[in-house]
């Protein structure tokens, strides 16, 4: 089956937002997602390099804004509930 990596990246970014937190003045999320998707998000400038010893990734400001938008677009309940 052929997969649309753009849709996968949008979903991963939205899921990262769901589990995001602030630490040391930066928005972060646990990096328990597909490494290929995380690498693509890094290449797009949405997260800092995930290949390090940290258990979390750091969002760029643009990445955090897009993560929030993707989360709302993909996972918000109909009718705002």
Protein backbone atom coordinates (compact mmCIF):
# COMPACT_ATOMS: atom_id res chain seq x y z
CA UNK A 1 0.00 0.00 0.00
CA UNK A 2 1.29 3.45 -0.88
CA UNK A 3 1.13 5.91 2.00
CA UNK A 4 0.88 9.69 1.82
CA UNK A 5 3.82 10.87 3.94
CA UNK A 6 2.42 14.41 4.03
CA UNK A 7 -0.71 13.16 5.80
CA UNK A 8 1.39 11.03 8.15
CA UNK A 9 3.55 14.05 9.02
CA UNK A 10 0.47 16.20 9.67
CA UNK A 11 -0.94 13.53 12.00
CA UNK A 12 2.37 13.04 13.85
CA UNK A 13 2.72 16.80 14.28
CA UNK A 14 -0.84 16.98 15.65
CA UNK A 15 -0.16 14.09 18.03
CA UNK A 16 3.03 15.75 19.23
CA UNK A 17 0.93 18.80 20.12
CA UNK A 18 -1.49 16.66 22.16
CA UNK A 19 1.35 15.63 24.48
CA UNK A 20 3.28 18.90 24.38
CA UNK A 21 4.59 20.66 27.46
CA UNK A 22 6.76 23.66 28.26
CA UNK A 23 10.19 23.20 29.79
CA UNK A 24 13.10 25.62 29.94
CA UNK A 25 11.01 28.18 28.07
CA UNK A 26 10.46 25.98 25.03
CA UNK A 27 7.54 23.90 23.78
CA UNK A 28 8.46 20.22 23.79
CA UNK A 29 6.84 16.84 23.17
CA UNK A 30 7.84 13.26 23.89
CA UNK A 31 9.38 11.73 20.78
CA UNK A 32 7.73 8.31 20.80
CA UNK A 33 6.80 8.50 17.13
CA UNK A 34 8.14 7.10 13.87
CA UNK A 35 11.75 8.22 13.34
CA UNK A 36 11.28 8.78 9.62
CA UNK A 37 8.36 11.13 10.29
CA UNK A 38 10.34 12.99 12.97
CA UNK A 39 13.25 13.36 10.54
CA UNK A 40 10.92 14.78 7.89
CA UNK A 41 9.43 17.25 10.40
CA UNK A 42 12.96 18.33 11.29
CA UNK A 43 13.85 18.74 7.61
CA UNK A 44 10.78 20.99 7.25
CA UNK A 45 12.00 23.16 10.14
CA UNK A 46 9.09 22.24 12.44
CA UNK A 47 11.11 20.57 15.21
CA UNK A 48 14.74 20.65 16.24
CA UNK A 49 16.92 17.65 15.42
CA UNK A 50 15.33 14.62 17.14
CA UNK A 51 18.52 12.55 16.97
CA UNK A 52 19.95 13.27 20.39
CA UNK A 53 19.89 11.82 23.91
CA UNK A 54 16.85 13.82 24.98
CA UNK A 55 13.55 11.98 25.36
CA UNK A 56 11.69 14.94 23.94
CA UNK A 57 11.81 17.08 20.82
CA UNK A 58 11.72 20.86 20.75
CA UNK A 59 9.22 22.61 18.50
CA UNK A 60 10.24 25.62 16.44
CA UNK A 61 7.79 28.52 16.81
CA UNK A 62 6.34 27.75 13.37
CA UNK A 63 6.24 24.05 14.21
CA UNK A 64 4.28 24.61 17.42
CA UNK A 65 1.73 26.80 15.62
CA UNK A 66 1.31 24.22 12.84
CA UNK A 67 1.13 21.39 15.40
CA UNK A 68 -1.75 23.15 17.17
CA UNK A 69 -3.55 23.79 13.88
CA UNK A 70 -3.10 20.16 12.77
CA UNK A 71 -4.35 18.88 16.12
CA UNK A 72 -7.47 21.01 15.89
CA UNK A 73 -8.06 20.10 12.23
CA UNK A 74 -7.59 16.36 12.68
CA UNK A 75 -8.84 15.64 16.19
CA UNK A 76 -11.34 18.32 17.33
CA UNK A 77 -14.79 17.01 18.12
CA UNK A 78 -17.59 18.13 15.84
CA UNK A 79 -19.62 20.84 17.55
CA UNK A 80 -16.70 21.90 19.75
CA UNK A 81 -17.22 19.33 22.50
